[in-house]
PDB file of N, CA and C in Angstrom:
ATOM      1  N   MET A   1     133.286 -32.084  27.419  1.00  0.00           N
ATOM      2  CA  MET A   1     132.241 -31.076  27.569  1.00  0.00           C
ATOM      3  C   MET A   1     130.888 -31.763  27.649  1.00  0.00           C
ATOM      4  N   THR A   2     129.996 -31.121  28.353  1.00  0.00           N
ATOM      5  CA  THR A   2     128.647 -31.648  28.471  1.00  0.00           C
ATOM      6  C   THR A   2     127.788 -31.153  27.307  1.00  0.00           C
ATOM      7  N   THR A   3     126.659 -31.794  27.121  1.00  0.00           N
ATOM      8  CA  THR A   3     125.736 -31.383  26.073  1.00  0.00           C
ATOM      9  C   THR A   3     125.233 -29.965  26.315  1.00  0.00           C
ATOM     10  N   THR A   4     125.005 -29.605  27.563  1.00  0.00           N
ATOM     11  CA  THR A   4     124.559 -28.249  27.892  1.00  0.00           C
ATOM     12  C   THR A   4     125.605 -27.220  27.494  1.00  0.00           C
ATOM     13  N   GLN A   5     126.862 -27.484  27.787  1.00  0.00           N
ATOM     14  CA  GLN A   5     127.938 -26.575  27.404  1.00  0.00           C
ATOM     15  C   GLN A   5     128.051 -26.486  25.881  1.00  0.00           C
ATOM     16  N   LEU A   6     127.890 -27.607  25.220  1.00  0.00           N
ATOM     17  CA  LEU A   6     127.974 -27.611  23.758  1.00  0.00           C
ATOM     18  C   LEU A   6     126.813 -26.853  23.132  1.00  0.00           C
ATOM     19  N   TYR A   7     125.631 -26.940  23.737  1.00  0.00           N
ATOM     20  CA  TYR A   7     124.496 -26.189  23.210  1.00  0.00           C
ATOM     21  C   TYR A   7     124.745 -24.686  23.340  1.00  0.00           C
ATOM     22  N   GLN A   8     125.327 -24.261  24.434  1.00  0.00           N
ATOM     23  CA  GLN A   8     125.674 -22.853  24.601  1.00  0.00           C
ATOM     24  C   GLN A   8     126.666 -22.415  23.533  1.00  0.00           C
ATOM     25  N   LEU A   9     127.653 -23.252  23.263  1.00  0.00           N
ATOM     26  CA  LEU A   9     128.629 -22.952  22.209  1.00  0.00           C
ATOM     27  C   LEU A   9     127.947 -22.901  20.849  1.00  0.00           C
ATOM     28  N   TYR A  10     127.034 -23.827  20.595  1.00  0.00           N
ATOM     29  CA  TYR A  10     126.288 -23.849  19.340  1.00  0.00           C
ATOM     30  C   TYR A  10     125.527 -22.532  19.157  1.00  0.00           C
ATOM     31  N   CYS A  11     124.793 -22.118  20.179  1.00  0.00           N
ATOM     32  CA  CYS A  11     124.004 -20.886  20.094  1.00  0.00           C
ATOM     33  C   CYS A  11     124.888 -19.667  19.861  1.00  0.00           C
ATOM     34  N   GLN A  12     125.977 -19.584  20.601  1.00  0.00           N
ATOM     35  CA  GLN A  12     126.898 -18.456  20.453  1.00  0.00           C
ATOM     36  C   GLN A  12     127.526 -18.455  19.060  1.00  0.00           C
ATOM     37  N   SER A  13     127.972 -19.596  18.612  1.00  0.00           N
ATOM     38  CA  SER A  13     128.615 -19.692  17.298  1.00  0.00           C
ATOM     39  C   SER A  13     127.633 -19.373  16.182  1.00  0.00           C
ATOM     40  N   TYR A  14     126.423 -19.865  16.305  1.00  0.00           N
ATOM     41  CA  TYR A  14     125.385 -19.594  15.305  1.00  0.00           C
ATOM     42  C   TYR A  14     125.147 -18.095  15.210  1.00  0.00           C
ATOM     43  N   ALA A  15     124.947 -17.455  16.352  1.00  0.00           N
ATOM     44  CA  ALA A  15     124.656 -16.021  16.369  1.00  0.00           C
ATOM     45  C   ALA A  15     125.812 -15.202  15.807  1.00  0.00           C
ATOM     46  N   GLU A  16     127.015 -15.514  16.190  1.00  0.00           N
ATOM     47  CA  GLU A  16     128.170 -14.753  15.712  1.00  0.00           C
ATOM     48  C   GLU A  16     128.377 -14.963  14.219  1.00  0.00           C
ATOM     49  N   PHE A  17     128.250 -16.176  13.754  1.00  0.00           N
ATOM     50  CA  PHE A  17     128.412 -16.454  12.329  1.00  0.00           C
ATOM     51  C   PHE A  17     127.348 -15.731  11.524  1.00  0.00           C
ATOM     52  N   TYR A  18     126.128 -15.841  11.968  1.00  0.00           N
ATOM     53  CA  TYR A  18     124.996 -15.322  11.209  1.00  0.00           C
ATOM     54  C   TYR A  18     124.925 -13.806  11.208  1.00  0.00           C
ATOM     55  N   ARG A  19     125.095 -13.193  12.347  1.00  0.00           N
ATOM     56  CA  ARG A  19     124.849 -11.751  12.475  1.00  0.00           C
ATOM     57  C   ARG A  19     126.072 -10.881  12.256  1.00  0.00           C
ATOM     58  N   GLU A  20     127.175 -11.251  12.858  1.00  0.00           N
ATOM     59  CA  GLU A  20     128.308 -10.335  12.905  1.00  0.00           C
ATOM     60  C   GLU A  20     129.311 -10.510  11.777  1.00  0.00           C
ATOM     61  N   HIS A  21     129.409 -11.699  11.243  1.00  0.00           N
ATOM     62  CA  HIS A  21     130.492 -11.933  10.295  1.00  0.00           C
ATOM     63  C   HIS A  21     130.011 -12.318   8.904  1.00  0.00           C
ATOM     64  N   GLY A  22     128.745 -12.303   8.694  1.00  0.00           N
ATOM     65  CA  GLY A  22     128.218 -12.512   7.359  1.00  0.00           C
ATOM     66  C   GLY A  22     128.722 -13.765   6.672  1.00  0.00           C
ATOM     67  N   GLY A  23     128.834 -14.843   7.393  1.00  0.00           N
ATOM     68  CA  GLY A  23     129.215 -16.095   6.770  1.00  0.00           C
ATOM     69  C   GLY A  23     130.664 -16.480   6.926  1.00  0.00           C
ATOM     70  N   VAL A  24     131.360 -15.902   7.869  1.00  0.00           N
ATOM     71  CA  VAL A  24     132.763 -16.251   8.093  1.00  0.00           C
ATOM     72  C   VAL A  24     132.864 -17.117   9.347  1.00  0.00           C
ATOM     73  N   LEU A  25     133.439 -18.295   9.218  1.00  0.00           N
ATOM     74  CA  LEU A  25     133.625 -19.162  10.376  1.00  0.00           C
ATOM     75  C   LEU A  25     134.589 -18.500  11.337  1.00  0.00           C
ATOM     76  N   LEU A  26     134.167 -18.389  12.577  1.00  0.00           N
ATOM     77  CA  LEU A  26     134.964 -17.679  13.577  1.00  0.00           C
ATOM     78  C   LEU A  26     136.232 -18.443  13.930  1.00  0.00           C
ATOM     79  N   ARG A  27     137.250 -17.705  14.245  1.00  0.00           N
ATOM     80  CA  ARG A  27     138.509 -18.291  14.710  1.00  0.00           C
ATOM     81  C   ARG A  27     138.540 -18.174  16.225  1.00  0.00           C
ATOM     82  N   PRO A  28     138.587 -19.281  16.912  1.00  0.00           N
ATOM     83  CA  PRO A  28     138.595 -19.221  18.375  1.00  0.00           C
ATOM     84  C   PRO A  28     139.898 -18.633  18.913  1.00  0.00           C
ATOM     85  N   HIS A  29     139.819 -18.105  20.117  1.00  0.00           N
ATOM     86  CA  HIS A  29     140.988 -17.492  20.753  1.00  0.00           C
ATOM     87  C   HIS A  29     141.789 -18.494  21.575  1.00  0.00           C
ATOM     88  N   ARG A  30     141.339 -19.725  21.613  1.00  0.00           N
ATOM     89  CA  ARG A  30     142.043 -20.766  22.360  1.00  0.00           C
ATOM     90  C   ARG A  30     141.915 -22.070  21.579  1.00  0.00           C
ATOM     91  N   PRO A  31     142.776 -23.011  21.869  1.00  0.00           N
ATOM     92  CA  PRO A  31     142.632 -24.313  21.199  1.00  0.00           C
ATOM     93  C   PRO A  31     141.297 -24.957  21.588  1.00  0.00           C
ATOM     94  N   LEU A  32     140.665 -25.586  20.629  1.00  0.00           N
ATOM     95  CA  LEU A  32     139.392 -26.238  20.870  1.00  0.00           C
ATOM     96  C   LEU A  32     139.560 -27.745  20.939  1.00  0.00           C
ATOM     97  N   SER A  33     138.682 -28.370  21.701  1.00  0.00           N
ATOM     98  CA  SER A  33     138.623 -29.823  21.655  1.00  0.00           C
ATOM     99  C   SER A  33     137.966 -30.214  20.329  1.00  0.00           C
ATOM    100  N   GLY A  34     138.090 -31.458  19.989  1.00  0.00           N
ATOM    101  CA  GLY A  34     137.488 -31.930  18.744  1.00  0.00           C
ATOM    102  C   GLY A  34     135.987 -31.726  18.704  1.00  0.00           C
ATOM    103  N   VAL A  35     135.328 -32.007  19.816  1.00  0.00           N
ATOM    104  CA  VAL A  35     133.873 -31.870  19.844  1.00  0.00           C
ATOM    105  C   VAL A  35     133.456 -30.404  19.770  1.00  0.00           C
ATOM    106  N   GLU A  36     134.212 -29.503  20.354  1.00  0.00           N
ATOM    107  CA  GLU A  36     133.903 -28.073  20.248  1.00  0.00           C
ATOM    108  C   GLU A  36     134.018 -27.609  18.794  1.00  0.00           C
ATOM    109  N   ALA A  37     135.062 -28.034  18.120  1.00  0.00           N
ATOM    110  CA  ALA A  37     135.253 -27.650  16.724  1.00  0.00           C
ATOM    111  C   ALA A  37     134.109 -28.156  15.850  1.00  0.00           C
ATOM    112  N   VAL A  38     133.666 -29.372  16.096  1.00  0.00           N
ATOM    113  CA  VAL A  38     132.563 -29.943  15.328  1.00  0.00           C
ATOM    114  C   VAL A  38     131.279 -29.154  15.572  1.00  0.00           C
ATOM    115  N   VAL A  39     131.018 -28.792  16.799  1.00  0.00           N
ATOM    116  CA  VAL A  39     129.804 -28.037  17.129  1.00  0.00           C
ATOM    117  C   VAL A  39     129.855 -26.655  16.487  1.00  0.00           C
ATOM    118  N   MET A  40     131.001 -26.011  16.486  1.00  0.00           N
ATOM    119  CA  MET A  40     131.125 -24.705  15.832  1.00  0.00           C
ATOM    120  C   MET A  40     130.868 -24.821  14.329  1.00  0.00           C
ATOM    121  N   GLU A  41     131.388 -25.867  13.715  1.00  0.00           N
ATOM    122  CA  GLU A  41     131.148 -26.080  12.286  1.00  0.00           C
ATOM    123  C   GLU A  41     129.676 -26.373  12.022  1.00  0.00           C
ATOM    124  N   PHE A  42     129.053 -27.144  12.903  1.00  0.00           N
ATOM    125  CA  PHE A  42     127.634 -27.467  12.797  1.00  0.00           C
ATOM    126  C   PHE A  42     126.799 -26.190  12.856  1.00  0.00           C
ATOM    127  N   ALA A  43     127.118 -25.304  13.798  1.00  0.00           N
ATOM    128  CA  ALA A  43     126.402 -24.040  13.931  1.00  0.00           C
ATOM    129  C   ALA A  43     126.595 -23.170  12.692  1.00  0.00           C
ATOM    130  N   ALA A  44     127.812 -23.101  12.207  1.00  0.00           N
ATOM    131  CA  ALA A  44     128.092 -22.301  11.018  1.00  0.00           C
ATOM    132  C   ALA A  44     127.348 -22.850   9.805  1.00  0.00           C
ATOM    133  N   GLU A  45     127.292 -24.149   9.679  1.00  0.00           N
ATOM    134  CA  GLU A  45     126.567 -24.766   8.563  1.00  0.00           C
ATOM    135  C   GLU A  45     125.073 -24.451   8.655  1.00  0.00           C
ATOM    136  N   ASP A  46     124.508 -24.574   9.851  1.00  0.00           N
ATOM    137  CA  ASP A  46     123.095 -24.232  10.026  1.00  0.00           C
ATOM    138  C   ASP A  46     122.836 -22.784   9.647  1.00  0.00           C
ATOM    139  N   ALA A  47     123.658 -21.884  10.142  1.00  0.00           N
ATOM    140  CA  ALA A  47     123.474 -20.456   9.849  1.00  0.00           C
ATOM    141  C   ALA A  47     123.641 -20.173   8.364  1.00  0.00           C
ATOM    142  N   ALA A  48     124.620 -20.801   7.743  1.00  0.00           N
ATOM    143  CA  ALA A  48     124.900 -20.548   6.333  1.00  0.00           C
ATOM    144  C   ALA A  48     123.790 -21.055   5.416  1.00  0.00           C
ATOM    145  N   ASN A  49     123.194 -22.182   5.773  1.00  0.00           N
ATOM    146  CA  ASN A  49     122.183 -22.739   4.868  1.00  0.00           C
ATOM    147  C   ASN A  49     120.755 -22.328   5.226  1.00  0.00           C
ATOM    148  N   GLY A  50     120.609 -21.430   6.197  1.00  0.00           N
ATOM    149  CA  GLY A  50     119.305 -20.893   6.521  1.00  0.00           C
ATOM    150  C   GLY A  50     118.501 -21.704   7.517  1.00  0.00           C
ATOM    151  N   THR A  51     119.093 -22.738   8.089  1.00  0.00           N
ATOM    152  CA  THR A  51     118.413 -23.492   9.132  1.00  0.00           C
ATOM    153  C   THR A  51     118.254 -22.588  10.344  1.00  0.00           C
ATOM    154  N   THR A  52     117.055 -22.533  10.896  1.00  0.00           N
ATOM    155  CA  THR A  52     116.868 -21.715  12.080  1.00  0.00           C
ATOM    156  C   THR A  52     117.630 -22.326  13.245  1.00  0.00           C
ATOM    157  N   LEU A  53     117.931 -21.475  14.216  1.00  0.00           N
ATOM    158  CA  LEU A  53     118.639 -21.928  15.406  1.00  0.00           C
ATOM    159  C   LEU A  53     117.882 -23.102  16.013  1.00  0.00           C
ATOM    160  N   ARG A  54     118.580 -24.191  16.233  1.00  0.00           N
ATOM    161  CA  ARG A  54     117.945 -25.383  16.798  1.00  0.00           C
ATOM    162  C   ARG A  54     117.612 -25.160  18.261  1.00  0.00           C
ATOM    163  N   SER A  55     116.502 -25.723  18.675  1.00  0.00           N
ATOM    164  CA  SER A  55     116.142 -25.678  20.094  1.00  0.00           C
ATOM    165  C   SER A  55     117.056 -26.643  20.842  1.00  0.00           C
ATOM    166  N   SER A  56     117.016 -26.552  22.141  1.00  0.00           N
ATOM    167  CA  SER A  56     117.806 -27.463  22.960  1.00  0.00           C
ATOM    168  C   SER A  56     117.456 -28.915  22.660  1.00  0.00           C
ATOM    169  N   SER A  57     116.180 -29.215  22.508  1.00  0.00           N
ATOM    170  CA  SER A  57     115.783 -30.594  22.230  1.00  0.00           C
ATOM    171  C   SER A  57     116.201 -31.036  20.819  1.00  0.00           C
ATOM    172  N   GLN A  58     116.152 -30.134  19.847  1.00  0.00           N
ATOM    173  CA  GLN A  58     116.619 -30.468  18.500  1.00  0.00           C
ATOM    174  C   GLN A  58     118.129 -30.699  18.499  1.00  0.00           C
ATOM    175  N   PHE A  59     118.846 -29.870  19.247  1.00  0.00           N
ATOM    176  CA  PHE A  59     120.293 -30.039  19.348  1.00  0.00           C
ATOM    177  C   PHE A  59     120.614 -31.371  20.021  1.00  0.00           C
ATOM    178  N   GLN A  60     119.892 -31.691  21.080  1.00  0.00           N
ATOM    179  CA  GLN A  60     120.092 -32.957  21.790  1.00  0.00           C
ATOM    180  C   GLN A  60     119.866 -34.133  20.844  1.00  0.00           C
ATOM    181  N   ALA A  61     118.853 -34.064  20.005  1.00  0.00           N
ATOM    182  CA  ALA A  61     118.586 -35.131  19.042  1.00  0.00           C
ATOM    183  C   ALA A  61     119.742 -35.281  18.051  1.00  0.00           C
ATOM    184  N   ALA A  62     120.306 -34.156  17.621  1.00  0.00           N
ATOM    185  CA  ALA A  62     121.453 -34.214  16.705  1.00  0.00           C
ATOM    186  C   ALA A  62     122.669 -34.830  17.395  1.00  0.00           C
ATOM    187  N   ILE A  63     122.879 -34.486  18.656  1.00  0.00           N
ATOM    188  CA  ILE A  63     123.986 -35.065  19.420  1.00  0.00           C
ATOM    189  C   ILE A  63     123.792 -36.572  19.556  1.00  0.00           C
ATOM    190  N   GLU A  64     122.573 -36.987  19.886  1.00  0.00           N
ATOM    191  CA  GLU A  64     122.295 -38.409  20.031  1.00  0.00           C
ATOM    192  C   GLU A  64     122.512 -39.162  18.725  1.00  0.00           C
ATOM    193  N   ALA A  65     122.172 -38.531  17.608  1.00  0.00           N
ATOM    194  CA  ALA A  65     122.376 -39.170  16.306  1.00  0.00           C
ATOM    195  C   ALA A  65     123.864 -39.362  15.995  1.00  0.00           C
ATOM    196  N   GLY A  66     124.707 -38.489  16.527  1.00  0.00           N
ATOM    197  CA  GLY A  66     126.140 -38.571  16.258  1.00  0.00           C
ATOM    198  C   GLY A  66     126.973 -38.997  17.445  1.00  0.00           C
ATOM    199  N   ILE A  67     126.338 -39.602  18.437  1.00  0.00           N
ATOM    200  CA  ILE A  67     127.029 -39.920  19.688  1.00  0.00           C
ATOM    201  C   ILE A  67     128.274 -40.784  19.486  1.00  0.00           C
ATOM    202  N   ASP A  68     128.209 -41.731  18.573  1.00  0.00           N
ATOM    203  CA  ASP A  68     129.359 -42.614  18.357  1.00  0.00           C
ATOM    204  C   ASP A  68     130.577 -41.853  17.829  1.00  0.00           C
ATOM    205  N   ALA A  69     130.341 -40.837  17.048  1.00  0.00           N
ATOM    206  CA  ALA A  69     131.454 -40.031  16.515  1.00  0.00           C
ATOM    207  C   ALA A  69     131.908 -38.964  17.501  1.00  0.00           C
ATOM    208  N   LEU A  70     130.997 -38.451  18.313  1.00  0.00           N
ATOM    209  CA  LEU A  70     131.323 -37.336  19.203  1.00  0.00           C
ATOM    210  C   LEU A  70     131.977 -37.753  20.500  1.00  0.00           C
ATOM    211  N   THR A  71     131.680 -38.929  20.993  1.00  0.00           N
ATOM    212  CA  THR A  71     132.249 -39.371  22.260  1.00  0.00           C
ATOM    213  C   THR A  71     133.783 -39.408  22.230  1.00  0.00           C
ATOM    214  N   PRO A  72     134.394 -39.962  21.192  1.00  0.00           N
ATOM    215  CA  PRO A  72     135.863 -39.953  21.162  1.00  0.00           C
ATOM    216  C   PRO A  72     136.470 -38.548  21.021  1.00  0.00           C
ATOM    217  N   LEU A  73     135.657 -37.582  20.616  1.00  0.00           N
ATOM    218  CA  LEU A  73     136.130 -36.208  20.460  1.00  0.00           C
ATOM    219  C   LEU A  73     136.013 -35.393  21.736  1.00  0.00           C
ATOM    220  N   GLY A  74     135.427 -35.977  22.792  1.00  0.00           N
ATOM    221  CA  GLY A  74     135.378 -35.295  24.071  1.00  0.00           C
ATOM    222  C   GLY A  74     134.003 -35.057  24.641  1.00  0.00           C
ATOM    223  N   LEU A  75     132.953 -35.601  24.026  1.00  0.00           N
ATOM    224  CA  LEU A  75     131.616 -35.436  24.575  1.00  0.00           C
ATOM    225  C   LEU A  75     131.499 -36.226  25.860  1.00  0.00           C
ATOM    226  N   GLN A  76     130.903 -35.600  26.870  1.00  0.00           N
ATOM    227  CA  GLN A  76     130.685 -36.288  28.162  1.00  0.00           C
ATOM    228  C   GLN A  76     129.209 -36.457  28.409  1.00  0.00           C
TER     229      GLN A  76
END
């Protein structure tokens, strides 16, 4: 997955976790790649601890900080 696709997943996961489920990590309807699962957990953690939704540039910085761990999980 690309960083742009992952940011979209982050935003969607953050919104669903925060607004609709009151702190419940969503269960995807399809198998996720490792990097998708990590991004969903990242979004849920941000929403749960009160971190505001990260901007695209803030998300990009977080991806760059974890690039060594995320690349083997499917980051392109």
